[in-house]
Amino acid sequence: MNVIRFCMAVAAYAGATIAFAGEQSALYLIDFEEYAEETPISTQYAALGVVFSVEGDPRSFPIIAIEGAPRVAFSGGGNDSPMSSLSGGLTDPLVNGQFDEPGTIRMDFDPPVTSVRFFVIDIDGGESFTATASSGANIVAAVTRSAGDPGTGNGVSTEFFLEGDEITSVVVGDPDSNTNGWAIDFLTFTRPCEGAACGPVLRVAQESAPGVGDFDDHVLADLLAFPSSGNAASFYAYDVPEGDSWNGPALTPEADRSHLLLATTSEGISLFIVHDRAVPNDPDGGKAEMSFEVLGDFNGAAITVKDDPDALKTAFGYAGEPGDSLFLAGWDWGTCCTDGLALSGLDTGSSVIVQFTEVDGNPNTPPIQGLSEWVAYSSDGTQVPMALEIDRRVRIEVIAGGGTCPADLNGDGQVDGADLGILLGAWGPCALCPADLNTSGSVDGADLGVLLGAWGPCPARR
């Protein structure tokens, strides 16, 4: 999938109590893979509120590059192939018919955005790149990455992140040199959105000691899933731009941490596990073995993302077929990469028991190595630490209802005639709009049925 939008509720968190506010943010993703090599990019993504140009030269435009095409994008010959997995990226502009002129890429956002994240590919050879975010004429954020900094180098994808209340433009480049042979990839940005497109509530509990089972007495928090219009593979974004790793925009992994989050994907509710980080490199790599037991779900679940796929595994690998209720995984990752999975198809009202545990019977492959913490993430920004201990289980319940409902299109706490009017006004093909309640790509009778089925006050969130 080339363009994805997530909607995330914003909340204040204190202890185990979450106070939910009405404000939300939409997150957009562009990976530049739907256009051919050498395509100039300008207004192709205007529907998402972003246009591209060359700073100081509105007649020139950045172009699409693919790995292994130095005649267009890169000047390092056969040893310079910075684009991961034959992916597309936005690179040196087309200036006066030439593809090798240096330039600074400009992005203009209308409406304004509140954060921008992307990767600059191939910062090496003494280069120094600066990304500057502005609100009108005022600079609100700037980030500089130079060759030799952690996470830079030939063929490396270097993350840039900027945030501000109203970002109207971002410029990125190396203004002090004639640099060419670089690209940006995997652009994401957020802006406030209206409507109550919150995901289901997930109740996270952890037993007080291995095998005790006293989950109800040790509830850690109620978290929000990340609502998504894409599938689990798009959400995880395995292997692009960082090879053999998580690249999803919902999470910037931390070294020596195991990350847990859930999202509503096209395969249903999906549980994501991401071990460690890829950018910048983790100093020690690690190993992990885990089990996932799905309860109260009559049609079971399925592993939809494997980081890494079985063919690349040097550890236990994965066990469990689609429709099963028990899944096992064992990973062994190096300093370059993450490991993890996505388990999809969890139904509302079901639960999943997750634990680090022995799965291969081999004492030389410990269930926890190179990890020092385990954290669950909510789409509202909440992070909940969990005890990282072998066989000490975590239970995640997918709570039915869960508060403001997607059919409440005007966000007033109830589904009524006002929401019906919004839905009818959006009738027809409608990519990534709130009225497309079943995310089919159009607003039609199926969405009308969802709205009428939710008619009345939205249930209060616990």
Protein backbone atom coordinates (compact mmCIF):
# COMPACT_ATOMS: atom_id res chain seq x y z
CA MET A 1 0.00 0.00 0.00
CA ASN A 2 1.37 3.39 -0.97
CA VAL A 3 -0.74 5.76 1.12
CA ILE A 4 -2.08 4.99 4.57
CA ARG A 5 -4.00 7.06 7.09
CA PHE A 6 -4.27 6.28 10.79
CA CYS A 7 -6.48 8.20 13.25
CA MET A 8 -5.23 8.52 16.80
CA ALA A 9 -7.10 9.87 19.82
CA VAL A 10 -5.23 12.30 22.06
CA ALA A 11 -5.50 11.74 25.80
CA ALA A 12 -4.06 12.74 29.15
CA TYR A 13 -2.74 9.91 31.31
CA ALA A 14 -2.27 9.73 35.05
CA GLY A 15 -1.49 6.44 36.76
CA ALA A 16 -3.89 3.81 35.45
CA THR A 17 -6.66 6.31 34.64
CA ILE A 18 -6.99 7.79 31.18
CA ALA A 19 -8.99 10.97 30.56
CA PHE A 20 -10.02 11.08 26.91
CA ALA A 21 -10.23 14.36 25.03
CA GLY A 22 -12.04 14.98 21.75
CA GLU A 23 -9.04 16.04 19.69
CA GLN A 24 -7.62 13.53 17.22
CA SER A 25 -4.80 13.35 14.72
CA ALA A 26 -4.66 11.68 11.33
CA LEU A 27 -1.37 10.13 10.25
CA TYR A 28 -0.55 9.89 6.55
CA LEU A 29 2.16 7.74 4.93
CA ILE A 30 3.74 8.11 1.48
CA ASP A 31 6.35 5.63 0.28
CA PHE A 32 6.68 6.90 -3.33
CA GLU A 33 6.43 3.41 -4.82
CA GLU A 34 3.53 3.90 -7.23
CA TYR A 35 5.44 6.04 -9.74
CA ALA A 36 8.05 4.99 -12.29
CA GLU A 37 11.70 5.93 -12.23
CA GLU A 38 12.44 9.53 -13.28
CA THR A 39 8.85 10.71 -12.65
CA PRO A 40 8.89 14.35 -11.47
CA ILE A 41 6.82 14.68 -8.30
CA SER A 42 4.91 17.90 -7.64
CA THR A 43 1.13 17.80 -7.06
CA GLN A 44 0.54 14.03 -7.23
CA TYR A 45 -0.17 13.93 -3.48
CA ALA A 46 -2.14 17.19 -3.29
CA ALA A 47 -5.23 15.25 -2.20
CA LEU A 48 -3.33 14.47 1.01
CA GLY A 49 -2.46 18.13 1.47
CA VAL A 50 1.21 18.08 0.41
CA VAL A 51 3.00 19.27 -2.75
CA PHE A 52 6.70 18.98 -3.63
CA SER A 53 9.11 21.37 -5.32
CA VAL A 54 12.73 22.48 -5.34
CA GLU A 55 13.50 25.27 -2.89
CA GLY A 56 14.17 28.48 -4.78
CA ASP A 57 13.19 27.04 -8.17
CA PRO A 58 9.45 26.35 -8.43
CA ARG A 59 9.90 25.20 -12.05
CA SER A 60 12.00 22.21 -10.98
CA PHE A 61 10.83 19.10 -9.21
CA PRO A 62 12.35 16.17 -7.32
CA ILE A 63 12.08 12.83 -9.10
CA ILE A 64 11.54 9.17 -8.29
CA ALA A 65 14.61 6.91 -8.03
CA ILE A 66 14.89 3.15 -7.64
CA GLU A 67 17.75 1.17 -6.13
CA GLY A 68 20.50 0.34 -8.59
CA ALA A 69 19.94 3.31 -10.91
CA PRO A 70 22.96 5.56 -10.42
CA ARG A 71 22.48 7.20 -13.82
CA VAL A 72 19.45 8.93 -12.34
CA ALA A 73 19.89 9.21 -8.61
CA PHE A 74 23.29 8.21 -7.33
CA SER A 75 26.83 8.90 -8.43
CA GLY A 76 28.75 6.20 -6.55
CA GLY A 77 28.68 3.54 -9.23
CA GLY A 78 27.96 -0.10 -8.48
CA ASN A 79 28.93 0.23 -4.81
CA ASP A 80 26.24 2.84 -4.12
CA SER A 81 22.75 1.33 -3.84
CA PRO A 82 21.03 3.10 -0.98
CA MET A 83 17.40 2.35 -1.81
CA SER A 84 16.22 -0.68 0.18
CA SER A 85 14.52 -3.63 -1.48
CA LEU A 86 14.09 -2.01 -4.89
CA SER A 87 11.88 0.64 -3.30
CA GLY A 88 11.13 4.07 -4.66
CA GLY A 89 12.31 7.30 -3.11
CA LEU A 90 12.25 11.01 -3.87
CA THR A 91 15.62 12.24 -5.00
CA ASP A 92 17.68 14.88 -6.85
CA PRO A 93 15.50 17.20 -8.87
CA LEU A 94 15.15 17.43 -12.60
CA VAL A 95 16.79 20.80 -13.39
CA ASN A 96 16.97 22.07 -16.97
CA GLY A 97 16.66 18.52 -18.23
CA GLN A 98 19.53 17.25 -16.08
CA PHE A 99 19.17 14.65 -13.32
CA ASP A 100 22.48 15.27 -11.56
CA GLU A 101 22.05 18.87 -10.41
CA PRO A 102 21.98 19.32 -6.64
CA GLY A 103 18.87 20.78 -5.07
CA THR A 104 16.89 21.14 -1.87
CA ILE A 105 13.53 19.35 -1.66
CA ARG A 106 10.62 21.42 -0.37
CA MET A 107 7.30 20.08 0.97
CA ASP A 108 4.33 22.43 1.44
CA PHE A 109 1.43 21.33 3.63
CA ASP A 110 -2.13 22.65 3.36
CA PRO A 111 -3.80 22.24 5.83
CA PRO A 112 -0.83 22.55 8.23
CA VAL A 113 0.56 19.46 9.97
CA THR A 114 1.78 18.87 13.50
CA SER A 115 4.65 16.44 12.81
CA VAL A 116 6.73 15.22 9.86
CA ARG A 117 8.88 12.08 9.76
CA PHE A 118 10.98 10.74 6.88
CA PHE A 119 14.29 9.06 6.07
CA VAL A 120 17.18 10.63 4.18
CA ILE A 121 18.96 7.86 2.29
CA ASP A 122 22.75 7.81 1.92
CA ILE A 123 24.32 10.49 4.15
CA ASP A 124 28.02 9.88 3.62
CA GLY A 125 31.20 11.44 2.23
CA GLY A 126 31.27 14.47 4.49
CA GLU A 127 27.67 15.45 3.78
CA SER A 128 25.47 17.27 6.28
CA PHE A 129 21.70 17.46 5.80
CA THR A 130 19.33 19.85 7.53
CA ALA A 131 15.53 19.57 7.65
CA THR A 132 13.76 22.80 8.60
CA ALA A 133 10.07 23.05 9.46
CA SER A 134 8.33 26.41 9.21
CA SER A 135 4.96 27.89 10.07
CA GLY A 136 4.58 30.60 7.48
CA ALA A 137 7.75 32.69 7.71
CA ASN A 138 8.69 31.39 11.17
CA ILE A 139 11.00 28.40 11.72
CA VAL A 140 9.47 26.06 14.31
CA ALA A 141 11.91 23.10 14.23
CA ALA A 142 15.18 22.05 12.61
CA VAL A 143 17.19 18.83 12.62
CA THR A 144 20.70 18.29 11.22
CA ARG A 145 22.35 14.92 10.56
CA SER A 146 25.97 14.74 9.40
CA ALA A 147 28.08 11.94 7.98
CA GLY A 148 29.58 10.02 10.88
CA ASP A 149 26.64 10.62 13.21
CA PRO A 150 24.90 7.48 14.54
CA GLY A 151 22.53 6.14 11.93
CA THR A 152 24.28 7.65 8.90
CA GLY A 153 26.47 6.18 6.18
CA ASN A 154 26.56 4.84 2.66
CA GLY A 155 23.30 3.08 1.91
CA VAL A 156 21.85 3.86 5.37
CA SER A 157 18.35 5.27 5.97
CA THR A 158 18.64 8.13 8.48
CA GLU A 159 15.49 9.18 10.34
CA PHE A 160 14.41 12.83 10.62
CA PHE A 161 11.50 13.92 12.84
CA LEU A 162 10.10 17.44 13.30
CA GLU A 163 7.05 18.64 15.18
CA GLY A 164 5.21 21.90 15.79
CA ASP A 165 1.71 23.30 16.25
CA GLU A 166 1.24 24.36 12.60
CA ILE A 167 3.90 23.24 10.14
CA THR A 168 3.22 24.65 6.68
CA SER A 169 6.49 23.67 4.97
CA VAL A 170 9.60 21.52 5.36
CA VAL A 171 12.82 21.92 3.38
CA VAL A 172 15.54 19.28 3.40
CA GLY A 173 18.96 19.18 1.78
CA ASP A 174 22.65 20.03 2.13
CA PRO A 175 22.66 23.80 1.52
CA ASP A 176 26.43 24.24 1.95
CA SER A 177 27.57 21.87 -0.80
CA ASN A 178 26.76 20.59 -4.26
CA THR A 179 25.50 17.29 -2.89
CA ASN A 180 23.61 14.93 -5.12
CA GLY A 181 22.97 11.21 -4.89
CA TRP A 182 20.57 11.23 -1.93
CA ALA A 183 16.87 10.57 -1.51
CA ILE A 184 14.01 10.80 0.98
CA ASP A 185 11.68 7.88 1.60
CA PHE A 186 8.81 6.74 3.81
CA LEU A 187 7.32 10.17 4.54
CA THR A 188 4.69 10.39 7.29
CA PHE A 189 2.93 13.42 8.72
CA THR A 190 0.10 14.15 11.14
CA ARG A 191 -2.58 16.79 11.29
CA PRO A 192 -5.63 17.26 13.52
CA CYS A 193 -8.77 15.55 12.25
CA GLU A 194 -12.40 15.65 13.30
CA GLY A 195 -14.64 12.74 14.09
CA ALA A 196 -14.44 9.93 16.61
CA ALA A 197 -12.45 7.29 14.75
CA CYS A 198 -10.92 5.84 17.91
CA GLY A 199 -9.91 2.22 18.00
CA PRO A 200 -11.12 -0.37 20.49
CA VAL A 201 -9.97 -0.25 24.09
CA LEU A 202 -7.43 -2.88 25.10
CA ARG A 203 -7.22 -3.81 28.77
CA VAL A 204 -3.69 -4.83 29.70
CA ALA A 205 -3.03 -6.85 32.87
CA GLN A 206 -0.03 -8.80 34.10
CA GLU A 207 0.00 -11.52 36.73
CA SER A 208 1.96 -10.75 39.91
CA ALA A 209 4.27 -13.76 39.45
CA PRO A 210 4.76 -16.48 36.83
CA GLY A 211 1.78 -18.85 36.67
CA VAL A 212 -0.32 -17.14 39.38
CA GLY A 213 -3.06 -16.01 37.01
CA ASP A 214 -4.27 -13.07 39.11
CA PHE A 215 -4.78 -10.80 36.09
CA ASP A 216 -7.97 -9.16 37.36
CA ASP A 217 -6.15 -7.88 40.44
CA HIS A 218 -3.29 -6.39 38.42
CA VAL A 219 -4.75 -4.35 35.55
CA LEU A 220 -2.06 -2.01 34.23
CA ALA A 221 -4.08 0.25 31.93
CA ASP A 222 -6.76 0.58 29.29
CA LEU A 223 -5.01 1.43 26.02
CA LEU A 224 -6.21 2.42 22.54
CA ALA A 225 -5.47 0.44 19.41
CA PHE A 226 -4.06 2.29 16.41
CA PRO A 227 -6.88 2.48 13.81
CA SER A 228 -5.52 1.87 10.32
CA SER A 229 -6.87 1.78 6.79
CA GLY A 230 -4.17 -0.66 5.68
CA ASN A 231 -3.22 -4.25 6.37
CA ALA A 232 -0.82 -5.52 9.02
CA ALA A 233 2.08 -5.67 6.56
CA SER A 234 1.66 -1.97 5.71
CA PHE A 235 1.46 -1.07 9.39
CA TYR A 236 4.64 -3.04 10.19
CA ALA A 237 6.41 -1.89 6.99
CA TYR A 238 8.93 -4.71 7.17
CA ASP A 239 12.18 -4.29 5.22
CA VAL A 240 11.57 -0.81 3.69
CA PRO A 241 13.50 1.39 4.06
CA GLU A 242 15.52 -0.42 6.78
CA GLY A 243 16.23 -3.98 5.72
CA ASP A 244 14.98 -6.93 7.82
CA SER A 245 13.31 -4.56 10.29
CA TRP A 246 10.22 -2.68 11.46
CA ASN A 247 9.74 0.68 9.68
CA GLY A 248 6.18 1.50 10.74
CA PRO A 249 5.33 5.15 11.45
CA ALA A 250 3.37 4.40 14.64
CA LEU A 251 6.50 3.56 16.65
CA THR A 252 10.13 4.63 16.86
CA PRO A 253 11.72 1.64 18.61
CA GLU A 254 14.14 1.97 21.53
CA ALA A 255 17.31 -0.07 21.99
CA ASP A 256 17.02 -3.16 24.23
CA ARG A 257 13.23 -2.72 24.50
CA SER A 258 10.49 -5.09 23.41
CA HIS A 259 7.51 -3.08 22.14
CA LEU A 260 3.87 -4.23 22.15
CA LEU A 261 1.04 -2.44 20.34
CA LEU A 262 -2.23 -3.26 18.61
CA ALA A 263 -3.95 -1.84 15.54
CA THR A 264 -7.22 -2.29 13.69
CA THR A 265 -6.09 -3.55 10.28
CA SER A 266 -7.85 -4.99 7.26
CA GLU A 267 -7.31 -8.46 8.80
CA GLY A 268 -9.04 -7.40 12.03
CA ILE A 269 -7.38 -6.39 15.27
CA SER A 270 -3.65 -7.13 15.05
CA LEU A 271 -1.09 -7.51 17.83
CA PHE A 272 2.43 -6.30 17.00
CA ILE A 273 5.64 -7.25 18.77
CA VAL A 274 8.86 -5.38 17.86
CA HIS A 275 12.13 -6.30 19.56
CA ASP A 276 14.95 -3.74 19.71
CA ARG A 277 15.66 -1.08 17.07
CA ALA A 278 17.31 -0.75 13.68
CA VAL A 279 18.08 3.01 13.48
CA PRO A 280 20.62 3.73 14.80
CA ASN A 281 22.10 0.26 15.17
CA ASP A 282 21.59 -1.52 18.48
CA PRO A 283 24.92 -2.32 20.19
CA ASP A 284 24.29 -5.97 21.02
CA GLY A 285 21.40 -7.60 19.13
CA GLY A 286 19.43 -10.19 21.07
CA LYS A 287 17.29 -13.32 21.32
CA ALA A 288 13.68 -13.88 22.35
CA GLU A 289 11.16 -16.73 22.54
CA MET A 290 7.44 -16.08 23.08
CA SER A 291 4.04 -17.74 23.05
CA PHE A 292 0.66 -16.21 22.16
CA GLU A 293 -2.56 -17.95 23.28
CA VAL A 294 -5.79 -16.56 21.83
CA LEU A 295 -8.90 -17.06 23.99
CA GLY A 296 -12.58 -16.46 23.22
CA ASP A 297 -12.07 -16.16 19.45
CA PHE A 298 -14.00 -18.88 17.63
CA ASN A 299 -12.09 -18.54 14.33
CA GLY A 300 -8.64 -18.14 15.84
CA ALA A 301 -5.95 -15.86 14.49
CA ALA A 302 -3.02 -15.86 12.07
CA ILE A 303 0.57 -14.61 11.90
CA THR A 304 0.48 -12.01 9.12
CA VAL A 305 3.98 -10.50 9.44
CA LYS A 306 7.21 -12.36 10.20
CA ASP A 307 10.29 -10.32 11.04
CA ASP A 308 12.22 -12.14 9.60
CA PRO A 309 10.53 -14.64 7.28
CA ASP A 310 11.21 -18.31 7.97
CA ALA A 311 13.78 -18.55 5.18
CA LEU A 312 15.97 -16.05 7.01
CA LYS A 313 15.64 -17.50 10.49
CA THR A 314 18.55 -18.86 12.47
CA ALA A 315 16.51 -19.48 15.63
CA PHE A 316 13.26 -21.36 16.28
CA GLY A 317 11.16 -19.50 13.73
CA TYR A 318 7.36 -19.56 13.96
CA ALA A 319 4.70 -22.15 14.80
CA GLY A 320 0.96 -21.86 14.35
CA GLU A 321 -1.32 -21.98 11.30
CA PRO A 322 -4.16 -19.60 10.35
CA GLY A 323 -7.15 -20.38 12.53
CA ASP A 324 -5.09 -21.71 15.42
CA SER A 325 -5.30 -20.35 18.96
CA LEU A 326 -1.67 -20.98 19.99
CA PHE A 327 1.34 -19.43 18.27
CA LEU A 328 5.04 -19.70 19.10
CA ALA A 329 7.98 -17.63 17.90
CA GLY A 330 11.73 -17.57 18.42
CA TRP A 331 14.08 -14.85 17.18
CA ASP A 332 17.81 -14.21 16.98
CA TRP A 333 18.67 -10.73 15.65
CA GLY A 334 21.91 -8.87 15.08
CA THR A 335 22.94 -5.31 15.81
CA CYS A 336 21.49 -4.06 12.52
CA CYS A 337 17.90 -5.00 12.90
CA THR A 338 14.66 -5.57 14.74
CA ASP A 339 12.72 -8.81 15.06
CA GLY A 340 9.04 -9.33 15.76
CA LEU A 341 5.67 -10.30 14.29
CA ALA A 342 2.06 -9.33 13.71
CA LEU A 343 -0.71 -11.63 14.95
CA SER A 344 -3.99 -10.72 13.25
CA GLY A 345 -7.66 -11.59 13.36
CA LEU A 346 -8.35 -10.93 17.03
CA ASP A 347 -12.08 -10.35 17.55
CA THR A 348 -13.69 -7.84 19.87
CA GLY A 349 -14.38 -9.62 23.16
CA SER A 350 -11.43 -11.98 22.80
CA SER A 351 -8.17 -11.92 24.71
CA VAL A 352 -4.60 -13.04 24.14
CA ILE A 353 -2.10 -14.31 26.71
CA VAL A 354 1.44 -13.22 25.83
CA GLN A 355 4.63 -14.36 27.53
CA PHE A 356 8.36 -14.79 27.09
CA THR A 357 8.83 -18.52 27.53
CA GLU A 358 10.91 -21.49 26.40
CA VAL A 359 9.63 -22.72 23.03
CA ASP A 360 12.49 -24.71 21.48
CA GLY A 361 13.74 -26.75 24.46
CA ASN A 362 17.26 -25.47 23.92
CA PRO A 363 18.88 -23.86 27.02
CA ASN A 364 21.49 -22.25 24.77
CA THR A 365 18.79 -20.04 23.21
CA PRO A 366 17.35 -18.19 26.22
CA PRO A 367 13.83 -16.68 25.98
CA ILE A 368 15.23 -13.23 26.86
CA GLN A 369 18.63 -11.93 25.79
CA GLY A 370 19.68 -8.40 24.85
CA LEU A 371 16.41 -6.91 26.15
CA SER A 372 16.04 -4.93 29.37
CA GLU A 373 12.41 -3.69 29.25
CA TRP A 374 8.97 -4.47 27.84
CA VAL A 375 6.54 -1.64 27.06
CA ALA A 376 2.95 -1.53 25.74
CA TYR A 377 1.95 1.42 23.54
CA SER A 378 -1.37 3.23 23.07
CA SER A 379 -2.36 5.38 20.09
CA ASP A 380 -2.84 8.31 22.49
CA GLY A 381 0.89 8.31 23.28
CA THR A 382 0.64 6.41 26.55
CA GLN A 383 3.46 3.94 27.29
CA VAL A 384 2.92 1.27 29.94
CA PRO A 385 5.95 -0.65 31.30
CA MET A 386 5.46 -4.37 31.92
CA ALA A 387 7.67 -6.72 33.92
CA LEU A 388 10.18 -8.43 31.64
CA GLU A 389 10.34 -11.87 33.27
CA ILE A 390 10.27 -15.37 31.82
CA ASP A 391 6.81 -17.02 32.11
CA ARG A 392 5.22 -13.94 33.74
CA ARG A 393 2.19 -13.60 31.51
CA VAL A 394 0.41 -10.53 30.16
CA ARG A 395 -3.30 -10.66 29.26
CA ILE A 396 -4.71 -8.31 26.65
CA GLU A 397 -8.49 -8.08 26.46
CA VAL A 398 -10.17 -6.53 23.42
CA ILE A 399 -13.07 -4.74 25.08
CA ALA A 400 -16.31 -4.42 23.12
CA GLY A 401 -17.54 -0.90 22.46
CA GLY A 402 -14.79 1.15 23.98
CA GLY A 403 -16.15 4.67 23.89
CA THR A 404 -16.77 7.15 21.10
CA CYS A 405 -17.71 5.20 18.00
CA PRO A 406 -16.54 5.54 14.40
CA ALA A 407 -20.11 6.21 13.21
CA ASP A 408 -20.16 9.38 15.35
CA LEU A 409 -18.86 11.39 12.41
CA ASN A 410 -19.22 14.83 14.02
CA GLY A 411 -17.76 13.72 17.34
CA ASP A 412 -20.68 14.87 19.53
CA GLY A 413 -21.00 11.59 21.45
CA GLN A 414 -23.99 10.15 19.63
CA VAL A 415 -24.96 8.76 16.24
CA ASP A 416 -27.94 10.67 14.87
CA GLY A 417 -29.30 12.63 11.92
CA ALA A 418 -26.28 14.92 11.79
CA ASP A 419 -23.98 11.95 11.23
CA LEU A 420 -26.40 10.52 8.66
CA GLY A 421 -26.22 13.81 6.75
CA ILE A 422 -22.41 13.68 6.73
CA LEU A 423 -22.44 10.11 5.44
CA LEU A 424 -24.97 10.86 2.67
CA GLY A 425 -22.97 13.92 1.65
CA ALA A 426 -19.88 11.74 1.14
CA TRP A 427 -21.73 9.04 -0.84
CA GLY A 428 -19.68 7.39 -3.57
CA PRO A 429 -15.94 6.70 -4.03
CA CYS A 430 -14.18 8.18 -1.03
CA ALA A 431 -10.57 7.27 -0.30
CA LEU A 432 -9.61 7.43 3.37
CA CYS A 433 -12.58 9.51 4.55
CA PRO A 434 -14.28 9.08 7.95
CA ALA A 435 -17.65 8.20 6.41
CA ASP A 436 -16.13 5.08 4.83
CA LEU A 437 -16.87 3.15 8.01
CA ASN A 438 -15.89 -0.27 6.62
CA THR A 439 -12.76 1.13 4.84
CA SER A 440 -13.88 -0.31 1.48
CA GLY A 441 -12.83 2.76 -0.51
CA SER A 442 -16.35 4.06 -1.01
CA VAL A 443 -19.33 5.24 1.04
CA ASP A 444 -22.33 3.05 0.25
CA GLY A 445 -25.13 0.95 1.69
CA ALA A 446 -22.74 -1.09 3.82
CA ASP A 447 -21.55 2.04 5.62
CA LEU A 448 -25.15 3.19 6.02
CA GLY A 449 -25.91 -0.13 7.71
CA VAL A 450 -23.00 0.34 10.12
CA LEU A 451 -24.23 3.83 11.01
CA LEU A 452 -27.84 2.77 11.55
CA GLY A 453 -26.66 -0.16 13.68
CA ALA A 454 -24.84 2.27 15.98
CA TRP A 455 -27.76 4.73 16.22
CA GLY A 456 -28.06 6.47 19.56
CA PRO A 457 -25.64 7.56 22.29
CA CYS A 458 -22.14 6.17 22.00
CA PRO A 459 -21.20 3.99 24.98
CA ALA A 460 -19.03 5.69 27.58
CA ARG A 461 -15.42 4.65 27.56
CA ARG A 462 -14.34 2.88 30.71
